[in-house]
Amino acid sequence: MGRWLRDGSGVLLVLCAIGALFHGVTQLRGHDYLASIVLTVTGLSLLRAGVELLRPSLGE
C-alpha cells in the first residue's frame, strides 16, 4: 500500500505541475508577467517534488 500511495501522489503532483505550467504560460503571459513567473516557479517546484516521489519506482 505504501508504494501505491507514493506512486499515486507522485503522479498527481506531476499532473498538477503540468497543469500549473500550462495555465501560467497560456492565460497569464499577456496580462500579468509577475503572476506568470510565480505560477511557473510553483509548477516547476511541484514537478520536481513529483519526480522525487516517483524516483524509486522508475529506478533512477
C-alpha atoms as a PDB file:
ATOM      1  CA  MET A   1       0.000   0.000   0.000  1.00  0.00           C
ATOM      2  CA  GLY A   2       2.867   2.398   0.737  1.00  0.00           C
ATOM      3  CA  ARG A   3       4.320   2.111  -2.748  1.00  0.00           C
ATOM      4  CA  TRP A   4       0.948   2.687  -4.425  1.00  0.00           C
ATOM      5  CA  LEU A   5       0.328   5.735  -2.255  1.00  0.00           C
ATOM      6  CA  ARG A   6       3.763   7.174  -3.058  1.00  0.00           C
ATOM      7  CA  ASP A   7       3.390   6.484  -6.773  1.00  0.00           C
ATOM      8  CA  GLY A   8      -0.133   7.879  -6.878  1.00  0.00           C
ATOM      9  CA  SER A   9       0.836  11.071  -5.099  1.00  0.00           C
ATOM     10  CA  GLY A  10       3.852  11.447  -7.378  1.00  0.00           C
ATOM     11  CA  VAL A  11       1.719  11.121 -10.489  1.00  0.00           C
ATOM     12  CA  LEU A  12      -0.827  13.548  -9.040  1.00  0.00           C
ATOM     13  CA  LEU A  13       1.901  16.115  -8.317  1.00  0.00           C
ATOM     14  CA  VAL A  14       3.333  15.770 -11.816  1.00  0.00           C
ATOM     15  CA  LEU A  15      -0.113  16.281 -13.370  1.00  0.00           C
ATOM     16  CA  CYS A  16      -0.805  19.305 -11.144  1.00  0.00           C
ATOM     17  CA  ALA A  17       2.569  20.763 -12.082  1.00  0.00           C
ATOM     18  CA  ILE A  18       1.920  20.354 -15.788  1.00  0.00           C
ATOM     19  CA  GLY A  19      -1.483  21.985 -15.334  1.00  0.00           C
ATOM     20  CA  ALA A  20       0.020  24.907 -13.403  1.00  0.00           C
ATOM     21  CA  LEU A  21       2.718  25.403 -16.019  1.00  0.00           C
ATOM     22  CA  PHE A  22       0.200  25.273 -18.848  1.00  0.00           C
ATOM     23  CA  HIS A  23      -2.089  27.761 -17.106  1.00  0.00           C
ATOM     24  CA  GLY A  24       0.785  30.088 -16.276  1.00  0.00           C
ATOM     25  CA  VAL A  25       2.045  30.163 -19.828  1.00  0.00           C
ATOM     26  CA  THR A  26      -1.239  30.402 -21.709  1.00  0.00           C
ATOM     27  CA  GLN A  27      -3.508  32.542 -19.552  1.00  0.00           C
ATOM     28  CA  LEU A  28      -1.196  34.988 -17.862  1.00  0.00           C
ATOM     29  CA  ARG A  29       1.596  35.661 -20.338  1.00  0.00           C
ATOM     30  CA  GLY A  30      -0.172  38.599 -21.974  1.00  0.00           C
ATOM     31  CA  HIS A  31      -1.722  40.064 -18.843  1.00  0.00           C
ATOM     32  CA  ASP A  32       0.407  39.785 -15.743  1.00  0.00           C
ATOM     33  CA  TYR A  33       4.055  38.809 -16.056  1.00  0.00           C
ATOM     34  CA  LEU A  34       4.714  38.585 -12.316  1.00  0.00           C
ATOM     35  CA  ALA A  35       1.832  36.162 -11.749  1.00  0.00           C
ATOM     36  CA  SER A  36       3.000  34.100 -14.705  1.00  0.00           C
ATOM     37  CA  ILE A  37       6.505  33.841 -13.251  1.00  0.00           C
ATOM     38  CA  VAL A  38       5.197  32.874  -9.801  1.00  0.00           C
ATOM     39  CA  LEU A  39       2.874  30.247 -11.271  1.00  0.00           C
ATOM     40  CA  THR A  40       5.664  28.847 -13.427  1.00  0.00           C
ATOM     41  CA  VAL A  41       8.013  28.556 -10.440  1.00  0.00           C
ATOM     42  CA  THR A  42       5.242  26.833  -8.479  1.00  0.00           C
ATOM     43  CA  GLY A  43       4.664  24.401 -11.336  1.00  0.00           C
ATOM     44  CA  LEU A  44       8.363  23.600 -11.597  1.00  0.00           C
ATOM     45  CA  SER A  45       8.556  23.032  -7.838  1.00  0.00           C
ATOM     46  CA  LEU A  46       5.590  20.648  -7.945  1.00  0.00           C
ATOM     47  CA  LEU A  47       7.137  18.862 -10.898  1.00  0.00           C
ATOM     48  CA  ARG A  48      10.380  18.358  -9.007  1.00  0.00           C
ATOM     49  CA  ALA A  49       8.513  17.046  -5.951  1.00  0.00           C
ATOM     50  CA  GLY A  50       6.535  14.599  -8.070  1.00  0.00           C
ATOM     51  CA  VAL A  51       9.666  13.339  -9.785  1.00  0.00           C
ATOM     52  CA  GLU A  52      11.333  12.812  -6.397  1.00  0.00           C
ATOM     53  CA  LEU A  53       8.371  10.707  -5.282  1.00  0.00           C
ATOM     54  CA  LEU A  54       8.494   8.649  -8.474  1.00  0.00           C
ATOM     55  CA  ARG A  55      12.291   8.179  -8.498  1.00  0.00           C
ATOM     56  CA  PRO A  56      12.331   4.864  -6.552  1.00  0.00           C
ATOM     57  CA  SER A  57       9.655   3.417  -8.846  1.00  0.00           C
ATOM     58  CA  LEU A  58      11.434   4.400 -12.031  1.00  0.00           C
ATOM     59  CA  GLY A  59      14.795   3.040 -10.904  1.00  0.00           C
ATOM     60  CA  GLU A  60      16.937   6.158 -11.052  1.00  0.00           C
END
